[in-house]
């Protein structure tokens, strides 16, 4: 099903029936109006404009495969206008004072929704578009960057000034033994781009920390030359990227010593002891626990009477995420994320409200219903905070943009590159472990008999809602924190332009979601089936404050990286997170591999 949808619903499969000519002006800041003109634009119709390409900042590593989608209003025939406000400026430049100038290079896509149901949208793409965003900054900061640019020119042996029409840096004289001359530059050349950044001021001529060679686009005698590579080794000597491996090992060693002494370490040791007590003496799963583990994936047991409904709901959820993975939107690009969060939480709270008020007694009790809903909300609030944290840290709100900001390999996932987001991802998944069905319908961990009163149909509906919520939560976790539908080794642009790669991306996404759901089922098996009633006080006392703290850490880390010109902190965080994950999985497998006789376990939450 996923492959069929992916092959038929790709945004890139929409025929380019329109022609996009230009974007004017090529430079904009907050308060400007950006006009896009073309041919074949529907009259008096709003458009969806998508910038898809790379962002370059002076003295910083480029940001690849960025997708920024925004709305444009009709202006005249074959023209739409974008009000370029401060919010849009921040989407390009992140923080105006940290990145006062950013150059976008890539594709500009303009699409119009169909005028009538049953028709397809029309779109057009302009390739190799260059667009500069000029942020506002304080005069002292601007002076500092100009001085830094002057120092760079002196280091390279260049004497020059900005062209009168601001088309680049005009080289007036060169040191014949300088690095610029050795790289092929000549007096009279016009330097138009330096490391991808359009040269509009002296402050744009800056190398990245630890960089050896800088790519320079030059115009000579009115004709562009092939890109030159100028040696800049020593200009920005802070080569933090070269220390990533050693720093990762050091951080891992420190965490391996410190974490066991913290509450997190205590919880981890308890979980390993519990897994050891419940292991059957061999690696793998015996036939007995399989229904318990996979009951979150497929209907079973008492839910068989609602088999058709369960399958329909599961297909609907998987289809919705597949639809998003193909580049489409369910409601609108700005509302899809909120809609998914509401679908995963509101039915669960409503079901618990109804069942909680009448699960043990024939008459409905408003007090019991409110208590049951409040306990469920205590688990759902960390989920909402995790979603908000992903949006806050990335500065993106559209699902496609959140996924495009990540990579396909694990060390490029959002959860790996930001410690705060890693904690939020953990809390999001952990909040799905306690079962939110009707506890009166099942035996408790101590083997107490079932409590009477809960009708089978209500019990089945509760399990259906709980299972549906788990799949939505798993989909959100993969989308926001685990690379979404990105294929490892491919750029987002290449993946979008190929149906087979797009279908593979959908398959990768659904595989990660299914694996996460099975993992939750396995954790439920090990923890002796934990109910919301058992852990609600723990979530209120510990998990809610921890989620708020993780949100602050995620925002602070994202702000720190925005202000740095090196990707090393993010890479060290990614490798450290992966290392901790490998250690945790290895410890868990090691515990299961110990051939000790299994023993009964009482639910510790009681």
Protein backbone atom coordinates (compact mmCIF):
# COMPACT_ATOMS: atom_id res chain seq x y z
CA UNK A 1 0.00 0.00 0.00
CA UNK A 2 2.77 2.41 0.93
CA UNK A 3 4.58 1.84 -2.35
CA UNK A 4 1.42 2.43 -4.34
CA UNK A 5 0.66 5.65 -2.53
CA UNK A 6 4.23 6.85 -2.85
CA UNK A 7 4.30 6.17 -6.56
CA UNK A 8 1.06 8.00 -7.19
CA UNK A 9 1.07 10.96 -4.84
CA UNK A 10 4.49 12.56 -5.01
CA UNK A 11 4.51 16.33 -5.09
CA UNK A 12 7.31 16.21 -7.64
CA UNK A 13 5.03 14.17 -9.92
CA UNK A 14 2.77 17.19 -10.39
CA UNK A 15 3.43 18.36 -13.97
CA UNK A 16 5.25 21.66 -14.34
CA UNK A 17 2.53 23.46 -16.25
CA UNK A 18 3.74 26.89 -15.12
CA UNK A 19 6.87 28.84 -15.88
CA UNK A 20 8.65 30.71 -13.10
CA UNK A 21 10.80 33.53 -14.44
CA UNK A 22 12.36 35.39 -11.57
CA UNK A 23 12.21 36.56 -7.99
CA UNK A 24 12.49 40.28 -7.40
CA UNK A 25 14.33 41.63 -5.53
CA UNK A 26 17.12 39.09 -5.11
CA UNK A 27 17.86 40.55 -1.68
CA UNK A 28 15.30 41.13 1.03
CA UNK A 29 14.93 41.88 4.71
CA UNK A 30 12.03 42.39 7.08
CA UNK A 31 9.52 44.86 5.67
CA UNK A 32 10.20 44.18 1.99
CA UNK A 33 7.80 42.75 -0.60
CA UNK A 34 9.18 39.91 -2.70
CA UNK A 35 7.50 39.42 -6.08
CA UNK A 36 7.66 36.17 -8.07
CA UNK A 37 6.70 36.40 -11.72
CA UNK A 38 6.08 33.70 -14.27
CA UNK A 39 3.72 32.53 -16.96
CA UNK A 40 0.45 30.61 -16.69
CA UNK A 41 -0.32 31.62 -13.09
CA UNK A 42 -4.05 31.32 -12.26
CA UNK A 43 -5.54 34.75 -11.72
CA UNK A 44 -6.51 35.97 -8.23
CA UNK A 45 -5.42 32.75 -6.58
CA UNK A 46 -3.04 32.45 -3.59
CA UNK A 47 0.06 30.32 -4.15
CA UNK A 48 2.33 28.08 -2.15
CA UNK A 49 6.00 28.99 -2.56
CA UNK A 50 8.70 26.53 -1.50
CA UNK A 51 12.41 27.31 -1.25
CA UNK A 52 14.31 24.01 -1.44
CA UNK A 53 18.08 24.07 -1.45
CA UNK A 54 21.08 25.14 0.64
CA UNK A 55 21.67 28.04 3.03
CA UNK A 56 25.11 29.65 3.23
CA UNK A 57 26.26 31.96 6.03
CA UNK A 58 29.58 33.84 6.31
CA UNK A 59 32.10 31.89 8.37
CA UNK A 60 29.68 29.02 9.06
CA UNK A 61 29.06 25.55 7.68
CA UNK A 62 26.34 25.44 5.00
CA UNK A 63 22.92 24.02 5.79
CA UNK A 64 21.90 21.57 3.09
CA UNK A 65 18.51 20.29 1.90
CA UNK A 66 16.55 23.05 3.60
CA UNK A 67 12.87 23.38 2.77
CA UNK A 68 11.02 26.61 3.59
CA UNK A 69 7.38 26.71 2.49
CA UNK A 70 5.27 29.85 2.74
CA UNK A 71 2.12 31.43 1.37
CA UNK A 72 2.03 34.08 -1.35
CA UNK A 73 -0.82 36.38 -2.30
CA UNK A 74 -1.89 37.24 -5.87
CA UNK A 75 -0.53 40.56 -7.10
CA UNK A 76 -1.15 40.97 -10.82
CA UNK A 77 -1.54 38.62 -13.74
CA UNK A 78 1.26 36.01 -13.57
CA UNK A 79 2.70 37.47 -10.38
CA UNK A 80 2.42 36.69 -6.67
CA UNK A 81 3.84 38.61 -3.72
CA UNK A 82 5.39 37.47 -0.43
CA UNK A 83 5.22 39.93 2.48
CA UNK A 84 8.72 39.45 3.88
CA UNK A 85 8.24 40.04 7.61
CA UNK A 86 10.51 39.47 10.61
CA UNK A 87 9.19 35.95 11.20
CA UNK A 88 10.06 34.93 7.66
CA UNK A 89 13.47 36.55 7.98
CA UNK A 90 14.14 34.41 11.07
CA UNK A 91 13.17 31.25 9.18
CA UNK A 92 16.03 31.92 6.80
CA UNK A 93 18.57 33.53 9.11
CA UNK A 94 17.48 31.81 12.39
CA UNK A 95 18.66 34.80 14.51
CA UNK A 96 19.26 38.13 12.87
CA UNK A 97 22.21 39.16 15.04
CA UNK A 98 23.89 35.73 14.73
CA UNK A 99 23.44 35.40 10.98
CA UNK A 100 22.87 38.88 9.50
CA UNK A 101 23.37 37.62 5.95
CA UNK A 102 22.31 34.27 4.54
CA UNK A 103 22.35 33.19 0.90
CA UNK A 104 19.86 30.66 -0.41
CA UNK A 105 20.74 28.62 -3.50
CA UNK A 106 18.45 26.00 -4.94
CA UNK A 107 15.01 25.50 -6.45
CA UNK A 108 12.02 27.82 -6.18
CA UNK A 109 8.67 26.07 -6.60
CA UNK A 110 5.34 27.86 -7.02
CA UNK A 111 2.15 25.78 -6.82
CA UNK A 112 -1.56 26.57 -6.88
CA UNK A 113 -4.27 24.43 -5.34
CA UNK A 114 -6.96 23.18 -7.77
CA UNK A 115 -9.95 25.45 -8.25
CA UNK A 116 -12.41 22.55 -8.14
CA UNK A 117 -12.49 19.17 -6.52
CA UNK A 118 -11.19 16.39 -8.69
CA UNK A 119 -8.62 18.53 -10.47
CA UNK A 120 -4.90 18.47 -9.79
CA UNK A 121 -2.74 21.33 -8.62
CA UNK A 122 -0.51 23.16 -11.06
CA UNK A 123 3.07 24.10 -10.35
CA UNK A 124 6.27 25.44 -11.81
CA UNK A 125 9.90 25.32 -10.71
CA UNK A 126 12.81 27.69 -11.25
CA UNK A 127 16.20 26.04 -10.78
CA UNK A 128 19.49 27.52 -9.56
CA UNK A 129 17.84 30.46 -7.82
CA UNK A 130 20.00 32.73 -5.64
CA UNK A 131 18.25 34.74 -2.93
CA UNK A 132 19.90 36.76 -0.15
CA UNK A 133 18.32 37.56 3.19
CA UNK A 134 19.79 40.57 4.96
CA UNK A 135 19.03 40.61 8.67
CA UNK A 136 19.08 43.67 10.89
CA UNK A 137 21.93 43.99 13.38
CA UNK A 138 23.49 46.49 15.73
CA UNK A 139 26.19 48.81 14.42
CA UNK A 140 28.94 47.43 16.74
CA UNK A 141 28.31 43.89 15.50
CA UNK A 142 28.40 45.05 11.92
CA UNK A 143 31.69 46.85 12.56
CA UNK A 144 33.18 43.72 14.14
CA UNK A 145 32.30 41.64 11.10
CA UNK A 146 33.72 44.24 8.75
CA UNK A 147 36.97 44.16 10.73
CA UNK A 148 36.99 40.38 10.56
CA UNK A 149 36.52 40.55 6.80
CA UNK A 150 39.39 43.05 6.52
CA UNK A 151 41.62 40.65 8.48
CA UNK A 152 40.65 37.83 6.10
CA UNK A 153 41.61 39.90 3.06
CA UNK A 154 44.97 40.76 4.61
CA UNK A 155 45.58 37.09 5.38
CA UNK A 156 44.84 36.17 1.75
CA UNK A 157 46.96 39.03 0.39
CA UNK A 158 44.08 40.94 -1.19
CA UNK A 159 43.58 44.66 -1.46
CA UNK A 160 40.07 45.42 -2.62
CA UNK A 161 36.75 47.10 -2.10
CA UNK A 162 33.09 46.33 -2.60
CA UNK A 163 31.91 47.07 -6.13
CA UNK A 164 29.85 50.24 -6.48
CA UNK A 165 26.81 48.22 -7.55
CA UNK A 166 27.40 45.70 -4.75
CA UNK A 167 27.98 42.92 -7.25
CA UNK A 168 30.97 41.59 -5.31
CA UNK A 169 34.50 42.36 -4.13
CA UNK A 170 36.71 44.07 -6.72
CA UNK A 171 40.38 43.06 -6.32
CA UNK A 172 42.58 46.14 -6.69
CA UNK A 173 45.94 44.55 -5.90
CA UNK A 174 47.36 41.18 -4.86
CA UNK A 175 50.39 40.01 -2.94
CA UNK A 176 52.16 37.82 -5.54
CA UNK A 177 53.19 35.39 -2.78
CA UNK A 178 49.83 35.48 -1.03
CA UNK A 179 47.33 32.66 -0.79
CA UNK A 180 44.84 34.38 -3.11
CA UNK A 181 47.41 34.66 -5.90
CA UNK A 182 48.46 31.04 -5.37
CA UNK A 183 44.80 30.05 -5.70
CA UNK A 184 44.46 31.67 -9.13
CA UNK A 185 43.03 35.12 -8.38
CA UNK A 186 44.24 38.13 -10.33
CA UNK A 187 44.05 41.88 -9.91
CA UNK A 188 40.85 43.22 -11.45
CA UNK A 189 38.85 40.06 -10.69
CA UNK A 190 35.39 40.43 -9.18
CA UNK A 191 34.79 37.96 -6.33
CA UNK A 192 31.06 37.29 -6.41
CA UNK A 193 30.73 34.37 -3.97
CA UNK A 194 32.91 33.18 -1.12
CA UNK A 195 32.04 29.69 0.17
CA UNK A 196 28.58 29.99 -1.37
CA UNK A 197 27.81 33.38 0.24
CA UNK A 198 27.10 36.28 -2.10
CA UNK A 199 29.75 38.90 -1.32
CA UNK A 200 27.86 42.06 -0.41
CA UNK A 201 30.27 43.40 2.22
CA UNK A 202 33.77 42.78 3.53
CA UNK A 203 32.25 40.77 6.38
CA UNK A 204 31.09 38.12 3.88
CA UNK A 205 34.70 37.11 3.13
CA UNK A 206 35.17 34.75 6.06
CA UNK A 207 36.32 31.14 6.24
CA UNK A 208 34.78 28.41 8.34
CA UNK A 209 36.74 27.27 11.42
CA UNK A 210 39.25 24.59 10.48
CA UNK A 211 38.64 25.02 6.75
CA UNK A 212 41.51 24.23 4.38
CA UNK A 213 40.16 25.41 1.01
CA UNK A 214 37.46 27.98 0.23
CA UNK A 215 35.34 27.87 -2.92
CA UNK A 216 35.38 31.24 -4.69
CA UNK A 217 33.23 32.26 -7.68
CA UNK A 218 35.02 34.89 -9.78
CA UNK A 219 34.17 37.04 -12.77
CA UNK A 220 37.13 38.09 -14.93
CA UNK A 221 36.81 40.56 -17.79
CA UNK A 222 33.05 40.24 -17.62
CA UNK A 223 33.03 36.46 -17.92
CA UNK A 224 32.54 33.94 -15.10
CA UNK A 225 35.38 31.53 -14.38
CA UNK A 226 35.13 27.98 -13.06
CA UNK A 227 35.02 27.90 -9.28
CA UNK A 228 38.46 28.47 -7.77
CA UNK A 229 39.71 26.96 -4.52
CA UNK A 230 41.74 29.33 -2.39
CA UNK A 231 43.90 27.95 0.46
CA UNK A 232 42.67 29.39 3.77
CA UNK A 233 44.41 27.02 6.17
CA UNK A 234 45.20 29.00 9.31
CA UNK A 235 42.70 31.80 8.71
CA UNK A 236 40.22 30.29 11.22
CA UNK A 237 42.35 27.78 13.09
CA UNK A 238 39.64 26.55 15.49
CA UNK A 239 39.31 23.12 13.88
CA UNK A 240 36.81 21.68 16.33
CA UNK A 241 35.65 19.13 13.75
CA UNK A 242 39.04 17.46 14.01
CA UNK A 243 38.44 16.84 17.72
CA UNK A 244 35.01 15.22 17.37
CA UNK A 245 36.21 11.65 17.88
CA UNK A 246 38.33 12.36 20.95
CA UNK A 247 35.68 14.63 22.48
CA UNK A 248 32.99 11.98 21.95
CA UNK A 249 35.06 9.31 23.71
CA UNK A 250 35.78 11.70 26.58
CA UNK A 251 32.10 12.61 27.02
CA UNK A 252 31.08 8.93 26.86
CA UNK A 253 33.66 8.03 29.51
CA UNK A 254 32.45 10.78 31.82
CA UNK A 255 28.80 9.83 31.36
CA UNK A 256 29.59 6.15 31.95
CA UNK A 257 30.98 7.13 35.35
CA UNK A 258 28.43 9.77 36.30
CA UNK A 259 25.12 8.37 35.02
CA UNK A 260 24.99 5.30 37.31
CA UNK A 261 25.02 7.62 40.34
CA UNK A 262 22.01 9.62 39.14
CA UNK A 263 18.28 8.77 39.30
CA UNK A 264 18.46 7.91 35.61
CA UNK A 265 21.13 5.33 36.35
CA UNK A 266 19.09 3.91 39.21
CA UNK A 267 16.10 3.52 36.91
CA UNK A 268 18.26 1.88 34.26
CA UNK A 269 19.73 -0.61 36.74
CA UNK A 270 16.24 -1.43 38.01
CA UNK A 271 15.08 -2.05 34.46
CA UNK A 272 18.02 -4.36 33.76
CA UNK A 273 17.39 -6.32 36.98
CA UNK A 274 13.73 -6.63 36.06
CA UNK A 275 14.64 -7.86 32.56
CA UNK A 276 17.05 -10.36 34.09
CA UNK A 277 14.40 -11.66 36.48
CA UNK A 278 11.90 -12.10 33.68
CA UNK A 279 14.27 -13.56 31.09
CA UNK A 280 13.84 -17.21 30.19
CA UNK A 281 17.55 -17.95 30.16
CA UNK A 282 18.19 -17.47 26.46
CA UNK A 283 18.35 -14.65 23.97
CA UNK A 284 15.13 -14.11 22.13
CA UNK A 285 11.46 -14.33 22.93
CA UNK A 286 9.61 -17.49 23.76
CA UNK A 287 6.25 -18.20 22.30
CA UNK A 288 4.47 -17.10 25.46
CA UNK A 289 5.37 -13.37 25.51
CA UNK A 290 4.80 -12.84 21.77
CA UNK A 291 1.08 -12.04 22.03
CA UNK A 292 1.82 -9.51 24.79
CA UNK A 293 4.52 -7.81 22.72
CA UNK A 294 2.61 -7.71 19.46
CA UNK A 295 -0.78 -6.85 20.89
CA UNK A 296 0.11 -3.19 20.32
CA UNK A 297 0.70 -3.97 16.64
CA UNK A 298 -2.18 -6.26 15.66
CA UNK A 299 -5.54 -6.96 17.28
CA UNK A 300 -5.71 -9.93 19.59
CA UNK A 301 -7.54 -11.52 22.47
CA UNK A 302 -10.69 -9.69 23.46
CA UNK A 303 -10.41 -7.20 20.57
CA UNK A 304 -11.29 -9.78 17.91
CA UNK A 305 -14.90 -8.61 17.73
CA UNK A 306 -13.57 -5.22 16.61
CA UNK A 307 -11.07 -6.68 14.18
CA UNK A 308 -12.46 -4.77 11.20
CA UNK A 309 -12.47 -1.48 13.11
CA UNK A 310 -8.94 -2.06 14.38
CA UNK A 311 -7.61 -2.77 10.92
CA UNK A 312 -9.47 0.21 9.47
CA UNK A 313 -8.05 2.57 12.10
CA UNK A 314 -4.53 1.20 11.63
CA UNK A 315 -4.76 1.55 7.85
CA UNK A 316 -6.07 5.10 8.27
CA UNK A 317 -3.20 6.12 10.54
CA UNK A 318 -0.56 4.50 8.34
CA UNK A 319 -2.19 6.05 5.27
CA UNK A 320 -2.15 9.52 6.85
CA UNK A 321 1.56 9.33 7.65
CA UNK A 322 2.25 7.87 4.19
CA UNK A 323 0.36 10.80 2.67
CA UNK A 324 2.57 13.21 4.59
CA UNK A 325 5.67 11.28 3.55
CA UNK A 326 4.75 11.79 -0.09
CA UNK A 327 4.95 15.57 0.34
CA UNK A 328 1.22 16.26 0.64
CA UNK A 329 -0.68 17.81 3.54
CA UNK A 330 -3.72 16.39 5.30
CA UNK A 331 -5.38 19.66 6.30
CA UNK A 332 -2.78 22.32 5.57
CA UNK A 333 1.00 22.44 6.02
CA UNK A 334 0.63 24.63 9.12
CA UNK A 335 -2.10 22.52 10.76
CA UNK A 336 -0.96 18.94 10.12
CA UNK A 337 1.31 18.68 13.17
CA UNK A 338 -1.34 19.97 15.55
CA UNK A 339 -3.93 17.69 13.96
CA UNK A 340 -1.73 14.61 14.51
CA UNK A 341 -1.14 15.55 18.14
CA UNK A 342 -4.86 16.00 18.73
CA UNK A 343 -5.68 12.69 17.04
CA UNK A 344 -3.22 10.93 19.32
CA UNK A 345 -4.46 12.50 22.55
CA UNK A 346 -8.07 13.73 22.44
CA UNK A 347 -9.75 10.35 21.73
CA UNK A 348 -7.70 8.79 24.51
CA UNK A 349 -8.76 11.38 27.06
CA UNK A 350 -12.38 11.15 25.92
CA UNK A 351 -12.39 7.35 26.15
CA UNK A 352 -10.84 7.44 29.59
CA UNK A 353 -13.39 10.03 30.70
CA UNK A 354 -16.29 7.77 29.69
CA UNK A 355 -14.75 4.53 30.95
CA UNK A 356 -13.33 6.00 34.14
CA UNK A 357 -16.69 7.20 35.30
CA UNK A 358 -18.39 3.81 34.94
CA UNK A 359 -15.68 1.14 34.93
CA UNK A 360 -16.31 -0.18 38.43
CA UNK A 361 -19.89 0.91 39.05
CA UNK A 362 -23.06 0.89 37.07
CA UNK A 363 -23.73 4.59 37.55
CA UNK A 364 -21.61 7.20 35.90
CA UNK A 365 -19.56 9.33 38.32
CA UNK A 366 -18.30 12.71 37.14
CA UNK A 367 -15.62 12.75 39.82
CA UNK A 368 -14.18 9.39 38.79
CA UNK A 369 -14.37 10.42 35.12
CA UNK A 370 -12.42 13.62 35.80
CA UNK A 371 -9.82 11.77 37.86
CA UNK A 372 -9.31 9.21 35.09
CA UNK A 373 -8.96 11.98 32.50
CA UNK A 374 -6.49 13.88 34.67
CA UNK A 375 -4.34 10.79 35.12
CA UNK A 376 -4.29 10.27 31.38
CA UNK A 377 -3.41 13.92 30.78
CA UNK A 378 -0.43 13.56 33.13
CA UNK A 379 1.09 11.25 30.50
CA UNK A 380 -0.05 13.22 27.49
CA UNK A 381 1.33 16.60 28.57
CA UNK A 382 4.97 15.43 28.14
CA UNK A 383 4.00 14.31 24.64
CA UNK A 384 2.75 17.80 23.79
CA UNK A 385 5.88 19.36 25.31
CA UNK A 386 8.06 17.04 23.19
CA UNK A 387 6.28 18.12 20.00
CA UNK A 388 6.59 21.78 20.98
CA UNK A 389 10.28 21.26 21.75
CA UNK A 390 10.96 19.89 18.27
CA UNK A 391 9.26 22.92 16.73
CA UNK A 392 11.02 25.38 19.03
CA UNK A 393 14.50 23.92 18.50
CA UNK A 394 14.25 23.76 14.71
CA UNK A 395 12.26 26.94 14.12
CA UNK A 396 10.07 24.94 11.73
CA UNK A 397 6.37 24.11 12.01
CA UNK A 398 5.65 22.31 8.73
CA UNK A 399 6.10 18.53 8.84
CA UNK A 400 8.04 18.43 5.56
CA UNK A 401 10.43 21.12 6.82
CA UNK A 402 10.97 19.33 10.14
CA UNK A 403 11.92 16.17 8.28
CA UNK A 404 14.08 17.99 5.72
CA UNK A 405 16.14 19.50 8.56
CA UNK A 406 17.24 15.99 9.52
CA UNK A 407 19.21 13.33 7.69
CA UNK A 408 18.65 9.69 6.91
CA UNK A 409 21.54 8.34 8.97
CA UNK A 410 21.06 8.11 12.75
CA UNK A 411 23.72 10.69 13.61
CA UNK A 412 21.83 13.25 11.54
CA UNK A 413 18.53 12.72 13.36
CA UNK A 414 17.23 15.57 15.48
CA UNK A 415 17.30 13.46 18.67
CA UNK A 416 20.97 12.64 18.12
CA UNK A 417 22.18 16.18 17.51
CA UNK A 418 20.44 17.91 20.41
CA UNK A 419 20.61 16.50 23.99
CA UNK A 420 17.37 18.23 24.93
CA UNK A 421 15.55 16.72 21.97
CA UNK A 422 16.97 13.30 22.86
CA UNK A 423 15.39 13.59 26.32
CA UNK A 424 12.11 14.81 24.84
CA UNK A 425 12.07 11.88 22.40
CA UNK A 426 12.63 9.49 25.30
CA UNK A 427 9.81 11.08 27.30
CA UNK A 428 7.50 10.96 24.27
CA UNK A 429 8.02 7.22 23.85
CA UNK A 430 8.07 6.52 27.60
CA UNK A 431 4.69 8.19 27.99
CA UNK A 432 3.25 5.59 25.61
CA UNK A 433 4.43 2.61 27.68
CA UNK A 434 1.81 2.74 30.48
CA UNK A 435 -1.39 1.24 29.17
CA UNK A 436 -4.37 3.54 29.22
CA UNK A 437 -7.05 0.92 28.77
CA UNK A 438 -9.50 -0.14 31.47
CA UNK A 439 -7.40 -1.72 34.28
CA UNK A 440 -10.46 -3.23 35.91
CA UNK A 441 -10.79 -5.58 32.94
CA UNK A 442 -7.41 -7.30 33.44
CA UNK A 443 -5.60 -9.13 36.19
CA UNK A 444 -3.15 -6.98 38.09
CA UNK A 445 0.54 -7.75 38.50
CA UNK A 446 -0.06 -9.49 41.85
CA UNK A 447 -2.52 -11.91 40.29
CA UNK A 448 -5.63 -10.35 41.82
CA UNK A 449 -8.89 -11.39 40.16
CA UNK A 450 -10.60 -9.18 37.65
CA UNK A 451 -12.80 -6.47 38.98
CA UNK A 452 -16.39 -6.83 37.79
CA UNK A 453 -18.48 -4.38 35.90
CA UNK A 454 -16.68 -3.28 32.74
CA UNK A 455 -18.65 -4.41 29.68
CA UNK A 456 -16.61 -6.23 27.02
CA UNK A 457 -17.51 -3.69 24.31
CA UNK A 458 -16.23 -0.76 26.37
CA UNK A 459 -13.08 -2.70 27.09
CA UNK A 460 -12.54 -3.40 23.41
CA UNK A 461 -13.11 0.23 22.42
CA UNK A 462 -10.61 1.38 25.03
CA UNK A 463 -7.97 -0.97 23.71
CA UNK A 464 -8.67 0.16 20.15
CA UNK A 465 -8.25 3.82 21.11
CA UNK A 466 -5.11 3.06 23.13
CA UNK A 467 -3.56 1.10 20.26
CA UNK A 468 -4.39 3.86 17.77
CA UNK A 469 -2.81 6.47 20.04
CA UNK A 470 0.35 4.39 20.27
CA UNK A 471 0.71 4.28 16.50
CA UNK A 472 0.20 8.04 16.23
CA UNK A 473 2.78 8.68 18.97
CA UNK A 474 5.27 6.36 17.24
CA UNK A 475 4.70 8.18 13.96
CA UNK A 476 5.26 11.56 15.61
CA UNK A 477 8.43 10.33 17.33
CA UNK A 478 9.90 9.06 14.06
CA UNK A 479 8.86 12.19 12.16
CA UNK A 480 10.17 14.72 14.65
CA UNK A 481 13.20 12.99 16.15
CA UNK A 482 14.28 9.96 14.06
CA UNK A 483 14.74 11.20 10.51
CA UNK A 484 11.17 10.70 9.34
CA UNK A 485 11.06 9.36 5.79
CA UNK A 486 14.60 10.36 4.84
CA UNK A 487 16.59 7.59 3.10
CA UNK A 488 20.17 7.18 4.40
CA UNK A 489 22.76 8.37 1.91
CA UNK A 490 20.37 10.48 -0.18
CA UNK A 491 19.67 14.19 -0.14
CA UNK A 492 16.06 15.27 0.20
CA UNK A 493 16.14 16.76 -3.30
CA UNK A 494 17.32 13.52 -4.93
CA UNK A 495 14.79 11.50 -2.97
CA UNK A 496 11.89 13.72 -4.04
CA UNK A 497 12.77 13.60 -7.72
CA UNK A 498 12.69 9.80 -7.98
CA UNK A 499 9.61 7.62 -7.50
CA UNK A 500 11.59 4.52 -6.41
CA UNK A 501 13.58 6.49 -3.84
CA UNK A 502 10.41 8.19 -2.63
CA UNK A 503 8.72 4.81 -2.20
CA UNK A 504 11.76 3.55 -0.33
CA UNK A 505 11.54 6.58 1.97
CA UNK A 506 7.95 5.69 2.83
CA UNK A 507 8.98 2.09 3.48
CA UNK A 508 11.84 3.22 5.74
CA UNK A 509 9.48 5.47 7.66
CA UNK A 510 6.85 2.77 8.22
CA UNK A 511 9.55 0.29 9.24
CA UNK A 512 10.87 2.64 11.91
CA UNK A 513 7.34 3.26 13.19
CA UNK A 514 6.60 -0.48 13.39
CA UNK A 515 9.91 -1.17 15.15
CA UNK A 516 9.15 1.53 17.72
CA UNK A 517 5.69 0.09 18.37
CA UNK A 518 7.15 -3.39 18.86
CA UNK A 519 9.78 -1.95 21.24
CA UNK A 520 7.01 -0.39 23.33
CA UNK A 521 5.28 -3.77 23.39
CA UNK A 522 8.50 -5.41 24.56
CA UNK A 523 8.99 -2.85 27.32
CA UNK A 524 5.42 -3.47 28.45
CA UNK A 525 6.24 -7.16 28.64
CA UNK A 526 9.37 -6.58 30.74
CA UNK A 527 7.74 -4.09 33.11
CA UNK A 528 4.88 -6.45 33.97
CA UNK A 529 2.17 -4.37 32.33
CA UNK A 530 2.11 -0.91 33.89
CA UNK A 531 -1.15 1.04 34.02
CA UNK A 532 -1.74 4.77 34.06
CA UNK A 533 -3.09 4.53 37.60
CA UNK A 534 0.26 3.12 38.71
CA UNK A 535 2.53 5.81 37.27
CA UNK A 536 0.40 8.98 37.22
CA UNK A 537 1.94 10.31 40.47
CA UNK A 538 5.44 9.55 39.15
CA UNK A 539 4.72 11.41 35.91
CA UNK A 540 3.39 14.46 37.76
CA UNK A 541 6.27 14.53 40.23
CA UNK A 542 9.18 13.71 37.92
CA UNK A 543 8.35 13.45 34.24
CA UNK A 544 6.56 16.76 33.86
CA UNK A 545 9.40 18.79 35.44
CA UNK A 546 11.92 16.75 33.44
CA UNK A 547 10.07 17.48 30.21
CA UNK A 548 10.10 21.21 30.95
CA UNK A 549 13.82 21.02 31.75
CA UNK A 550 14.45 19.09 28.53
CA UNK A 551 12.55 21.75 26.61
CA UNK A 552 14.81 24.43 28.04
CA UNK A 553 17.92 22.37 27.22
CA UNK A 554 16.72 21.80 23.64
CA UNK A 555 16.05 25.52 23.10
CA UNK A 556 19.37 26.54 24.69
CA UNK A 557 21.32 24.00 22.63
CA UNK A 558 19.67 25.11 19.39
CA UNK A 559 20.41 28.75 20.23
CA UNK A 560 24.03 27.87 21.00
CA UNK A 561 24.49 26.09 17.68
CA UNK A 562 22.90 28.99 15.81
CA UNK A 563 25.53 31.30 17.25
CA UNK A 564 28.47 28.99 16.52
CA UNK A 565 30.30 28.70 13.24
CA UNK A 566 31.18 25.05 13.82
CA UNK A 567 29.10 21.88 13.57
CA UNK A 568 31.34 20.08 16.04
CA UNK A 569 29.07 20.45 19.13
CA UNK A 570 26.13 18.96 17.26
CA UNK A 571 28.27 16.13 15.89
CA UNK A 572 29.72 15.33 19.32
CA UNK A 573 26.21 15.27 20.79
CA UNK A 574 25.06 12.94 17.99
CA UNK A 575 27.90 10.45 18.39
CA UNK A 576 27.56 10.53 22.18
CA UNK A 577 23.84 9.84 21.98
CA UNK A 578 24.43 6.94 19.62
CA UNK A 579 27.15 5.60 21.89
CA UNK A 580 24.88 5.67 24.91
CA UNK A 581 22.19 3.89 22.89
CA UNK A 582 24.63 1.16 21.86
CA UNK A 583 25.76 0.72 25.47
CA UNK A 584 22.16 0.50 26.70
CA UNK A 585 21.15 -2.07 24.06
CA UNK A 586 24.31 -4.08 24.66
CA UNK A 587 23.64 -4.15 28.41
CA UNK A 588 20.06 -5.26 27.88
CA UNK A 589 21.08 -8.05 25.49
CA UNK A 590 23.84 -9.07 27.89
CA UNK A 591 21.33 -9.42 30.71
CA UNK A 592 19.05 -11.58 28.57
CA UNK A 593 22.05 -13.70 27.54
CA UNK A 594 22.79 -14.68 31.14
CA UNK A 595 21.34 -18.15 31.53
CA UNK A 596 19.73 -17.63 34.90
CA UNK A 597 16.43 -19.18 35.82
CA UNK A 598 13.50 -16.87 35.46
CA UNK A 599 11.62 -15.65 38.50
CA UNK A 600 8.33 -13.96 39.09
CA UNK A 601 8.26 -10.20 39.41
CA UNK A 602 5.87 -7.93 41.21
CA UNK A 603 5.00 -4.71 39.43
CA UNK A 604 7.35 -2.16 41.12
CA UNK A 605 4.97 0.74 40.50
CA UNK A 606 2.59 -0.74 43.06
